[in-house]
Amino acid sequence: MNRELFRPTAEGVARILLLINAFSRQHEGLQGRTKLAKLDFLLRYPEFLERALLTKGVDLEEAAAATSERNPVEQRMVRFRYGPWDPSYFSLLGSLIGRGLIEVIPYSRGFGYRATDKGKDLSRELSKEPAFEELTKRSELLKRHFNQTGATLKKMVYELFPEVADASWREAL
């Protein structure tokens, strides 16, 4: 087993923090790992995000402006039981929680993640950096157009992207 798959990268920590921060409000956050994984899939793969935005009737200019970066992925996701997945999610989330950047919040049907004040401050600083501008824009687009349940997002990924749904388990996407 390749242990490197389970180690959090600095880029991965920043990406997940920006995503969770986009969904963080005073009493809510990003609910569940399924939702996190599907949103992260769209965040990492702008070409899939653009296709999904167009099916929602989002203006082509808005979709293209936030998805101009074509191959930003520092580490590929794999096809797993419920679609795209990153084996490092547990270590990424643990790193963010351990650093006090996100907190776990309970929901009636599970739990979610919300950026702490420290995490929000760091997200603001990251969003000013040119290397994270695109991720910040895409995270905000995801909040605006895909703030749905994990199950709904999973179904959408399977329907819109047969190449992902038909991939073999553990196959890199």
N, C-alpha and C. Protein backbone atom coordinates (compact mmCIF):
# COMPACT_ATOMS: atom_id res chain seq x y z
N MET A 1 0.84 -1.18 0.00
CA MET A 1 0.00 0.00 0.00
C MET A 1 0.89 1.25 0.00
N ASN A 2 0.54 2.21 -0.82
CA ASN A 2 1.31 3.44 -0.94
C ASN A 2 0.88 4.43 0.14
N ARG A 3 1.71 4.60 1.16
CA ARG A 3 1.38 5.50 2.27
C ARG A 3 1.31 6.96 1.83
N GLU A 4 1.96 7.29 0.72
CA GLU A 4 1.91 8.68 0.23
C GLU A 4 0.48 9.10 -0.08
N LEU A 5 -0.37 8.14 -0.44
CA LEU A 5 -1.78 8.46 -0.75
C LEU A 5 -2.51 9.02 0.46
N PHE A 6 -2.03 8.74 1.65
CA PHE A 6 -2.74 9.11 2.86
C PHE A 6 -2.16 10.35 3.54
N ARG A 7 -1.09 10.89 3.00
CA ARG A 7 -0.46 12.06 3.61
C ARG A 7 -1.08 13.34 3.08
N PRO A 8 -1.37 14.28 3.97
CA PRO A 8 -1.91 15.56 3.49
C PRO A 8 -0.80 16.40 2.88
N THR A 9 -1.09 17.03 1.76
CA THR A 9 -0.14 17.95 1.15
C THR A 9 -0.55 19.37 1.56
N ALA A 10 0.38 20.30 1.47
CA ALA A 10 0.06 21.70 1.78
C ALA A 10 -1.01 22.21 0.82
N GLU A 11 -0.91 21.83 -0.45
CA GLU A 11 -1.91 22.24 -1.43
C GLU A 11 -3.28 21.66 -1.11
N GLY A 12 -3.30 20.40 -0.70
CA GLY A 12 -4.55 19.75 -0.34
C GLY A 12 -5.20 20.39 0.87
N VAL A 13 -4.40 20.70 1.88
CA VAL A 13 -4.92 21.36 3.09
C VAL A 13 -5.53 22.71 2.72
N ALA A 14 -4.81 23.48 1.91
CA ALA A 14 -5.31 24.80 1.50
C ALA A 14 -6.60 24.67 0.69
N ARG A 15 -6.63 23.73 -0.25
CA ARG A 15 -7.82 23.53 -1.09
C ARG A 15 -9.05 23.17 -0.27
N ILE A 16 -8.89 22.23 0.65
CA ILE A 16 -10.03 21.79 1.47
C ILE A 16 -10.46 22.91 2.42
N LEU A 17 -9.51 23.66 2.96
CA LEU A 17 -9.86 24.80 3.81
C LEU A 17 -10.67 25.84 3.03
N LEU A 18 -10.22 26.18 1.83
CA LEU A 18 -10.95 27.15 1.01
C LEU A 18 -12.36 26.66 0.70
N LEU A 19 -12.49 25.38 0.41
CA LEU A 19 -13.80 24.81 0.11
C LEU A 19 -14.72 24.85 1.33
N ILE A 20 -14.23 24.39 2.47
CA ILE A 20 -15.04 24.40 3.69
C ILE A 20 -15.39 25.83 4.08
N ASN A 21 -14.45 26.73 3.95
CA ASN A 21 -14.71 28.13 4.28
C ASN A 21 -15.82 28.72 3.42
N ALA A 22 -15.86 28.37 2.15
CA ALA A 22 -16.91 28.89 1.26
C ALA A 22 -18.30 28.47 1.73
N PHE A 23 -18.40 27.34 2.40
CA PHE A 23 -19.69 26.83 2.88
C PHE A 23 -19.94 27.15 4.35
N SER A 24 -19.01 27.82 5.00
CA SER A 24 -19.13 28.10 6.43
C SER A 24 -19.92 29.37 6.69
N ARG A 25 -20.92 29.24 7.52
CA ARG A 25 -21.72 30.37 8.01
C ARG A 25 -21.76 30.24 9.52
N GLN A 26 -22.41 31.18 10.18
CA GLN A 26 -22.39 31.19 11.65
C GLN A 26 -22.85 29.86 12.26
N HIS A 27 -23.92 29.30 11.72
CA HIS A 27 -24.46 28.07 12.33
C HIS A 27 -24.46 26.88 11.38
N GLU A 28 -23.76 26.98 10.28
CA GLU A 28 -23.73 25.85 9.37
C GLU A 28 -22.37 25.73 8.71
N GLY A 29 -22.17 24.58 8.11
CA GLY A 29 -20.91 24.32 7.43
C GLY A 29 -21.15 23.41 6.24
N LEU A 30 -20.13 22.72 5.85
CA LEU A 30 -20.23 21.77 4.75
C LEU A 30 -20.59 20.42 5.37
N GLN A 31 -21.77 19.93 5.04
CA GLN A 31 -22.31 18.75 5.71
C GLN A 31 -21.89 17.45 5.04
N GLY A 32 -21.09 16.66 5.73
CA GLY A 32 -20.76 15.30 5.33
C GLY A 32 -19.60 15.14 4.37
N ARG A 33 -18.97 13.96 4.46
CA ARG A 33 -17.82 13.67 3.60
C ARG A 33 -18.22 13.37 2.16
N THR A 34 -19.43 12.84 1.95
CA THR A 34 -19.87 12.60 0.57
C THR A 34 -19.98 13.92 -0.17
N LYS A 35 -20.61 14.90 0.47
CA LYS A 35 -20.73 16.23 -0.14
C LYS A 35 -19.34 16.83 -0.35
N LEU A 36 -18.49 16.73 0.64
CA LEU A 36 -17.13 17.24 0.53
C LEU A 36 -16.41 16.63 -0.67
N ALA A 37 -16.50 15.31 -0.82
CA ALA A 37 -15.79 14.63 -1.91
C ALA A 37 -16.32 15.05 -3.28
N LYS A 38 -17.63 15.17 -3.42
CA LYS A 38 -18.18 15.53 -4.73
C LYS A 38 -17.86 16.99 -5.07
N LEU A 39 -17.93 17.87 -4.10
CA LEU A 39 -17.56 19.27 -4.34
C LEU A 39 -16.07 19.39 -4.63
N ASP A 40 -15.26 18.64 -3.91
CA ASP A 40 -13.83 18.66 -4.15
C ASP A 40 -13.51 18.14 -5.55
N PHE A 41 -14.24 17.14 -6.01
CA PHE A 41 -14.08 16.63 -7.37
C PHE A 41 -14.29 17.77 -8.38
N LEU A 42 -15.38 18.51 -8.22
CA LEU A 42 -15.67 19.62 -9.13
C LEU A 42 -14.63 20.73 -8.99
N LEU A 43 -14.14 20.92 -7.79
CA LEU A 43 -13.12 21.95 -7.54
C LEU A 43 -11.80 21.58 -8.23
N ARG A 44 -11.41 20.34 -8.15
CA ARG A 44 -10.13 19.88 -8.71
C ARG A 44 -10.14 19.75 -10.22
N TYR A 45 -11.32 19.47 -10.78
CA TYR A 45 -11.42 19.19 -12.21
C TYR A 45 -12.33 20.22 -12.87
N PRO A 46 -11.77 21.38 -13.24
CA PRO A 46 -12.58 22.47 -13.79
C PRO A 46 -13.37 22.11 -15.04
N GLU A 47 -12.86 21.18 -15.85
CA GLU A 47 -13.60 20.81 -17.05
C GLU A 47 -14.92 20.13 -16.68
N PHE A 48 -14.95 19.35 -15.61
CA PHE A 48 -16.21 18.75 -15.15
C PHE A 48 -17.11 19.80 -14.52
N LEU A 49 -16.52 20.73 -13.78
CA LEU A 49 -17.31 21.82 -13.18
C LEU A 49 -17.98 22.64 -14.27
N GLU A 50 -17.25 22.96 -15.32
CA GLU A 50 -17.84 23.76 -16.40
C GLU A 50 -19.02 23.01 -17.03
N ARG A 51 -18.86 21.72 -17.27
CA ARG A 51 -19.96 20.93 -17.84
C ARG A 51 -21.16 20.93 -16.91
N ALA A 52 -20.92 20.78 -15.60
CA ALA A 52 -22.03 20.77 -14.62
C ALA A 52 -22.72 22.13 -14.56
N LEU A 53 -21.94 23.21 -14.60
CA LEU A 53 -22.52 24.55 -14.57
C LEU A 53 -23.40 24.80 -15.79
N LEU A 54 -22.95 24.35 -16.94
CA LEU A 54 -23.73 24.57 -18.16
C LEU A 54 -25.06 23.81 -18.12
N THR A 55 -25.09 22.64 -17.49
CA THR A 55 -26.37 21.91 -17.37
C THR A 55 -27.34 22.62 -16.43
N LYS A 56 -26.80 23.48 -15.55
CA LYS A 56 -27.65 24.25 -14.64
C LYS A 56 -28.06 25.59 -15.26
N GLY A 57 -27.64 25.83 -16.50
CA GLY A 57 -28.00 27.06 -17.16
C GLY A 57 -27.18 28.27 -16.75
N VAL A 58 -26.02 28.03 -16.15
CA VAL A 58 -25.15 29.13 -15.75
C VAL A 58 -24.57 29.76 -17.01
N ASP A 59 -24.50 31.06 -17.02
CA ASP A 59 -23.96 31.82 -18.13
C ASP A 59 -22.59 31.28 -18.51
N LEU A 60 -22.37 31.08 -19.80
CA LEU A 60 -21.12 30.52 -20.29
C LEU A 60 -19.92 31.36 -19.89
N GLU A 61 -20.05 32.68 -19.89
CA GLU A 61 -18.94 33.54 -19.48
C GLU A 61 -18.57 33.33 -18.02
N GLU A 62 -19.59 33.24 -17.14
CA GLU A 62 -19.33 33.02 -15.72
C GLU A 62 -18.66 31.66 -15.52
N ALA A 63 -19.15 30.64 -16.20
CA ALA A 63 -18.56 29.30 -16.07
C ALA A 63 -17.13 29.29 -16.57
N ALA A 64 -16.88 29.90 -17.72
CA ALA A 64 -15.54 29.89 -18.31
C ALA A 64 -14.55 30.71 -17.48
N ALA A 65 -15.01 31.81 -16.89
CA ALA A 65 -14.12 32.67 -16.10
C ALA A 65 -13.58 31.94 -14.88
N ALA A 66 -14.38 31.09 -14.28
CA ALA A 66 -13.95 30.40 -13.06
C ALA A 66 -13.32 29.05 -13.35
N THR A 67 -13.32 28.65 -14.60
CA THR A 67 -12.78 27.33 -14.92
C THR A 67 -11.69 27.42 -15.99
N SER A 68 -11.00 28.54 -16.05
CA SER A 68 -9.98 28.73 -17.08
C SER A 68 -8.75 27.86 -16.86
N GLU A 69 -8.49 27.51 -15.62
CA GLU A 69 -7.35 26.64 -15.29
C GLU A 69 -7.74 25.21 -15.64
N ARG A 70 -7.06 24.57 -16.57
CA ARG A 70 -7.51 23.28 -17.07
C ARG A 70 -6.96 22.05 -16.37
N ASN A 71 -5.80 22.10 -15.82
CA ASN A 71 -5.25 20.89 -15.19
C ASN A 71 -4.56 21.25 -13.88
N PRO A 72 -5.35 21.70 -12.89
CA PRO A 72 -4.74 22.18 -11.66
C PRO A 72 -4.46 21.11 -10.61
N VAL A 73 -4.80 19.88 -10.89
CA VAL A 73 -4.78 18.84 -9.87
C VAL A 73 -3.37 18.47 -9.46
N GLU A 74 -3.09 18.59 -8.15
CA GLU A 74 -1.76 18.20 -7.67
C GLU A 74 -1.73 16.71 -7.34
N GLN A 75 -2.89 16.12 -7.13
CA GLN A 75 -2.97 14.69 -6.85
C GLN A 75 -4.32 14.20 -7.35
N ARG A 76 -4.33 13.12 -8.11
CA ARG A 76 -5.54 12.60 -8.72
C ARG A 76 -6.46 11.96 -7.68
N MET A 77 -7.75 12.07 -7.92
CA MET A 77 -8.72 11.35 -7.10
C MET A 77 -8.84 9.95 -7.68
N VAL A 78 -9.47 9.05 -6.94
CA VAL A 78 -9.71 7.70 -7.43
C VAL A 78 -11.21 7.42 -7.40
N ARG A 79 -11.61 6.46 -8.23
CA ARG A 79 -13.01 6.02 -8.22
C ARG A 79 -13.15 5.08 -7.04
N PHE A 80 -14.13 5.37 -6.18
CA PHE A 80 -14.38 4.52 -5.02
C PHE A 80 -15.86 4.18 -4.99
N ARG A 81 -16.32 3.63 -3.91
CA ARG A 81 -17.69 3.11 -3.81
C ARG A 81 -18.76 4.13 -4.22
N TYR A 82 -18.64 5.35 -3.76
CA TYR A 82 -19.66 6.36 -4.06
C TYR A 82 -19.15 7.42 -5.03
N GLY A 83 -18.22 7.05 -5.90
CA GLY A 83 -17.72 7.99 -6.88
C GLY A 83 -16.33 8.48 -6.53
N PRO A 84 -16.00 9.70 -6.99
CA PRO A 84 -14.65 10.25 -6.77
C PRO A 84 -14.32 10.36 -5.28
N TRP A 85 -13.10 9.99 -4.95
CA TRP A 85 -12.66 9.99 -3.55
C TRP A 85 -11.17 10.23 -3.48
N ASP A 86 -10.72 10.82 -2.41
CA ASP A 86 -9.29 11.01 -2.17
C ASP A 86 -8.94 10.27 -0.89
N PRO A 87 -8.04 9.29 -0.97
CA PRO A 87 -7.67 8.53 0.22
C PRO A 87 -7.08 9.39 1.34
N SER A 88 -6.65 10.61 1.03
CA SER A 88 -6.05 11.45 2.06
C SER A 88 -7.07 12.32 2.82
N TYR A 89 -8.38 12.18 2.53
CA TYR A 89 -9.36 13.04 3.21
C TYR A 89 -9.25 12.97 4.73
N PHE A 90 -9.10 11.78 5.28
CA PHE A 90 -9.07 11.68 6.73
C PHE A 90 -7.86 12.42 7.32
N SER A 91 -6.71 12.30 6.67
CA SER A 91 -5.54 13.01 7.18
C SER A 91 -5.64 14.51 6.91
N LEU A 92 -6.23 14.91 5.78
CA LEU A 92 -6.43 16.34 5.50
C LEU A 92 -7.35 16.97 6.54
N LEU A 93 -8.47 16.31 6.79
CA LEU A 93 -9.42 16.83 7.77
C LEU A 93 -8.81 16.84 9.17
N GLY A 94 -8.09 15.78 9.52
CA GLY A 94 -7.43 15.72 10.82
C GLY A 94 -6.41 16.84 10.98
N SER A 95 -5.68 17.13 9.92
CA SER A 95 -4.70 18.21 9.96
C SER A 95 -5.39 19.56 10.17
N LEU A 96 -6.48 19.79 9.46
CA LEU A 96 -7.21 21.05 9.61
C LEU A 96 -7.84 21.19 11.00
N ILE A 97 -8.38 20.10 11.51
CA ILE A 97 -8.97 20.12 12.86
C ILE A 97 -7.88 20.32 13.90
N GLY A 98 -6.79 19.58 13.76
CA GLY A 98 -5.68 19.67 14.72
C GLY A 98 -5.04 21.05 14.76
N ARG A 99 -5.06 21.76 13.68
CA ARG A 99 -4.48 23.11 13.63
C ARG A 99 -5.49 24.19 14.04
N GLY A 100 -6.70 23.75 14.35
CA GLY A 100 -7.72 24.71 14.77
C GLY A 100 -8.28 25.54 13.63
N LEU A 101 -8.18 25.03 12.39
CA LEU A 101 -8.66 25.78 11.23
C LEU A 101 -10.11 25.45 10.87
N ILE A 102 -10.54 24.25 11.21
CA ILE A 102 -11.94 23.86 11.03
C ILE A 102 -12.42 23.16 12.29
N GLU A 103 -13.73 23.09 12.43
CA GLU A 103 -14.31 22.35 13.54
C GLU A 103 -15.39 21.43 13.00
N VAL A 104 -15.62 20.35 13.72
CA VAL A 104 -16.68 19.40 13.37
C VAL A 104 -17.96 19.91 13.99
N ILE A 105 -19.04 19.93 13.21
CA ILE A 105 -20.33 20.37 13.73
C ILE A 105 -21.37 19.27 13.51
N PRO A 106 -22.19 19.01 14.51
CA PRO A 106 -23.19 17.95 14.38
C PRO A 106 -24.41 18.43 13.58
N TYR A 107 -24.96 17.52 12.82
CA TYR A 107 -26.22 17.71 12.12
C TYR A 107 -27.14 16.58 12.54
N SER A 108 -28.41 16.70 12.25
CA SER A 108 -29.34 15.65 12.66
C SER A 108 -29.01 14.31 12.00
N ARG A 109 -28.42 14.35 10.82
CA ARG A 109 -28.07 13.11 10.12
C ARG A 109 -26.57 13.07 9.85
N GLY A 110 -25.76 13.15 10.88
CA GLY A 110 -24.32 13.08 10.70
C GLY A 110 -23.61 14.32 11.19
N PHE A 111 -22.56 14.67 10.49
CA PHE A 111 -21.76 15.82 10.91
C PHE A 111 -21.19 16.53 9.70
N GLY A 112 -20.67 17.71 9.95
CA GLY A 112 -20.07 18.50 8.88
C GLY A 112 -18.86 19.24 9.41
N TYR A 113 -18.38 20.16 8.61
CA TYR A 113 -17.17 20.89 8.94
C TYR A 113 -17.40 22.38 8.69
N ARG A 114 -16.87 23.18 9.59
CA ARG A 114 -17.01 24.64 9.47
C ARG A 114 -15.66 25.27 9.80
N ALA A 115 -15.32 26.31 9.04
CA ALA A 115 -14.07 27.03 9.29
C ALA A 115 -14.19 27.80 10.61
N THR A 116 -13.15 27.74 11.40
CA THR A 116 -13.08 28.53 12.63
C THR A 116 -12.67 29.95 12.24
N ASP A 117 -12.64 30.86 13.21
CA ASP A 117 -12.18 32.22 12.92
C ASP A 117 -10.75 32.20 12.38
N LYS A 118 -9.92 31.36 12.97
CA LYS A 118 -8.54 31.22 12.51
C LYS A 118 -8.51 30.70 11.06
N GLY A 119 -9.38 29.73 10.76
CA GLY A 119 -9.47 29.19 9.41
C GLY A 119 -9.99 30.21 8.41
N LYS A 120 -10.95 31.02 8.83
CA LYS A 120 -11.48 32.08 7.95
C LYS A 120 -10.40 33.11 7.65
N ASP A 121 -9.63 33.47 8.67
CA ASP A 121 -8.54 34.44 8.47
C ASP A 121 -7.52 33.90 7.48
N LEU A 122 -7.14 32.64 7.65
CA LEU A 122 -6.16 32.04 6.73
C LEU A 122 -6.75 31.94 5.33
N SER A 123 -8.02 31.59 5.22
CA SER A 123 -8.67 31.52 3.90
C SER A 123 -8.64 32.87 3.20
N ARG A 124 -8.90 33.93 3.94
CA ARG A 124 -8.85 35.28 3.37
C ARG A 124 -7.45 35.59 2.84
N GLU A 125 -6.44 35.21 3.63
CA GLU A 125 -5.06 35.45 3.19
C GLU A 125 -4.72 34.61 1.96
N LEU A 126 -5.12 33.35 1.97
CA LEU A 126 -4.85 32.48 0.82
C LEU A 126 -5.53 33.00 -0.45
N SER A 127 -6.75 33.48 -0.31
CA SER A 127 -7.50 33.93 -1.48
C SER A 127 -6.86 35.14 -2.16
N LYS A 128 -6.00 35.85 -1.46
CA LYS A 128 -5.29 36.99 -2.04
C LYS A 128 -4.06 36.55 -2.84
N GLU A 129 -3.63 35.32 -2.65
CA GLU A 129 -2.45 34.80 -3.34
C GLU A 129 -2.84 34.34 -4.74
N PRO A 130 -2.06 34.73 -5.75
CA PRO A 130 -2.38 34.33 -7.13
C PRO A 130 -2.54 32.81 -7.31
N ALA A 131 -1.77 32.04 -6.56
CA ALA A 131 -1.85 30.58 -6.70
C ALA A 131 -3.20 30.02 -6.26
N PHE A 132 -3.95 30.78 -5.45
CA PHE A 132 -5.22 30.26 -4.93
C PHE A 132 -6.44 31.04 -5.42
N GLU A 133 -6.24 31.99 -6.33
CA GLU A 133 -7.37 32.77 -6.85
C GLU A 133 -8.41 31.89 -7.52
N GLU A 134 -7.97 31.00 -8.41
CA GLU A 134 -8.91 30.13 -9.13
C GLU A 134 -9.67 29.22 -8.17
N LEU A 135 -8.97 28.63 -7.20
CA LEU A 135 -9.64 27.76 -6.23
C LEU A 135 -10.69 28.54 -5.45
N THR A 136 -10.38 29.76 -5.09
CA THR A 136 -11.33 30.58 -4.34
C THR A 136 -12.57 30.87 -5.19
N LYS A 137 -12.37 31.26 -6.44
CA LYS A 137 -13.50 31.53 -7.35
C LYS A 137 -14.36 30.29 -7.53
N ARG A 138 -13.71 29.16 -7.76
CA ARG A 138 -14.48 27.92 -7.97
C ARG A 138 -15.21 27.50 -6.70
N SER A 139 -14.60 27.68 -5.53
CA SER A 139 -15.27 27.35 -4.27
C SER A 139 -16.54 28.18 -4.11
N GLU A 140 -16.46 29.46 -4.45
CA GLU A 140 -17.63 30.33 -4.35
C GLU A 140 -18.71 29.94 -5.35
N LEU A 141 -18.30 29.54 -6.55
CA LEU A 141 -19.25 29.05 -7.55
C LEU A 141 -19.96 27.79 -7.05
N LEU A 142 -19.19 26.91 -6.44
CA LEU A 142 -19.78 25.68 -5.89
C LEU A 142 -20.82 26.01 -4.83
N LYS A 143 -20.53 26.94 -3.96
CA LYS A 143 -21.49 27.35 -2.92
C LYS A 143 -22.76 27.90 -3.55
N ARG A 144 -22.59 28.74 -4.58
CA ARG A 144 -23.74 29.37 -5.22
C ARG A 144 -24.61 28.38 -5.99
N HIS A 145 -23.99 27.41 -6.67
CA HIS A 145 -24.75 26.57 -7.59
C HIS A 145 -24.89 25.10 -7.18
N PHE A 146 -24.11 24.65 -6.21
CA PHE A 146 -24.14 23.23 -5.86
C PHE A 146 -24.25 22.98 -4.36
N ASN A 147 -24.94 23.84 -3.66
CA ASN A 147 -25.14 23.63 -2.21
C ASN A 147 -26.31 22.67 -2.03
N GLN A 148 -26.04 21.41 -2.34
CA GLN A 148 -27.04 20.35 -2.29
C GLN A 148 -26.53 19.25 -1.37
N THR A 149 -27.36 18.25 -1.14
CA THR A 149 -26.93 17.14 -0.29
C THR A 149 -25.86 16.32 -1.00
N GLY A 150 -25.11 15.58 -0.22
CA GLY A 150 -24.10 14.69 -0.79
C GLY A 150 -24.72 13.67 -1.73
N ALA A 151 -25.88 13.13 -1.36
CA ALA A 151 -26.56 12.14 -2.21
C ALA A 151 -26.98 12.75 -3.55
N THR A 152 -27.47 13.97 -3.52
CA THR A 152 -27.88 14.64 -4.76
C THR A 152 -26.66 14.90 -5.64
N LEU A 153 -25.57 15.34 -5.04
CA LEU A 153 -24.34 15.59 -5.79
C LEU A 153 -23.77 14.29 -6.37
N LYS A 154 -23.83 13.21 -5.59
CA LYS A 154 -23.35 11.91 -6.07
C LYS A 154 -24.16 11.48 -7.30
N LYS A 155 -25.46 11.61 -7.21
CA LYS A 155 -26.34 11.25 -8.34
C LYS A 155 -26.01 12.11 -9.57
N MET A 156 -25.79 13.40 -9.35
CA MET A 156 -25.45 14.30 -10.45
C MET A 156 -24.14 13.87 -11.12
N VAL A 157 -23.12 13.54 -10.33
CA VAL A 157 -21.83 13.11 -10.88
C VAL A 157 -22.02 11.86 -11.71
N TYR A 158 -22.79 10.89 -11.22
CA TYR A 158 -23.02 9.65 -11.96
C TYR A 158 -23.76 9.91 -13.27
N GLU A 159 -24.74 10.82 -13.24
CA GLU A 159 -25.54 11.09 -14.44
C GLU A 159 -24.78 11.92 -15.47
N LEU A 160 -24.06 12.94 -15.03
CA LEU A 160 -23.40 13.85 -15.96
C LEU A 160 -22.07 13.33 -16.48
N PHE A 161 -21.42 12.49 -15.71
CA PHE A 161 -20.06 12.08 -16.06
C PHE A 161 -19.93 10.56 -16.09
N PRO A 162 -20.46 9.93 -17.14
CA PRO A 162 -20.40 8.46 -17.20
C PRO A 162 -18.97 7.92 -17.18
N GLU A 163 -18.01 8.72 -17.66
CA GLU A 163 -16.62 8.27 -17.64
C GLU A 163 -16.10 8.11 -16.21
N VAL A 164 -16.68 8.84 -15.27
CA VAL A 164 -16.32 8.70 -13.86
C VAL A 164 -17.08 7.53 -13.25
N ALA A 165 -18.38 7.47 -13.53
CA ALA A 165 -19.21 6.39 -12.98
C ALA A 165 -18.77 5.02 -13.47
N ASP A 166 -18.30 4.95 -14.71
CA ASP A 166 -17.91 3.67 -15.30
C ASP A 166 -16.47 3.26 -15.00
N ALA A 167 -15.72 4.15 -14.35
CA ALA A 167 -14.33 3.83 -14.01
C ALA A 167 -14.30 2.66 -13.02
N SER A 168 -13.25 1.87 -13.07
CA SER A 168 -13.08 0.77 -12.13
C SER A 168 -12.74 1.32 -10.75
N TRP A 169 -13.10 0.55 -9.72
CA TRP A 169 -12.75 0.94 -8.36
C TRP A 169 -11.25 1.14 -8.26
N ARG A 170 -10.84 2.18 -7.56
CA ARG A 170 -9.45 2.55 -7.30
C ARG A 170 -8.72 3.06 -8.54
N GLU A 171 -9.43 3.22 -9.64
CA GLU A 171 -8.82 3.78 -10.85
C GLU A 171 -8.64 5.29 -10.67
N ALA A 172 -7.48 5.81 -11.04
CA ALA A 172 -7.23 7.26 -10.95
C ALA A 172 -8.09 7.99 -11.96
N LEU A 173 -8.65 9.10 -11.52
CA LEU A 173 -9.52 9.89 -12.41
C LEU A 173 -8.76 11.04 -13.04
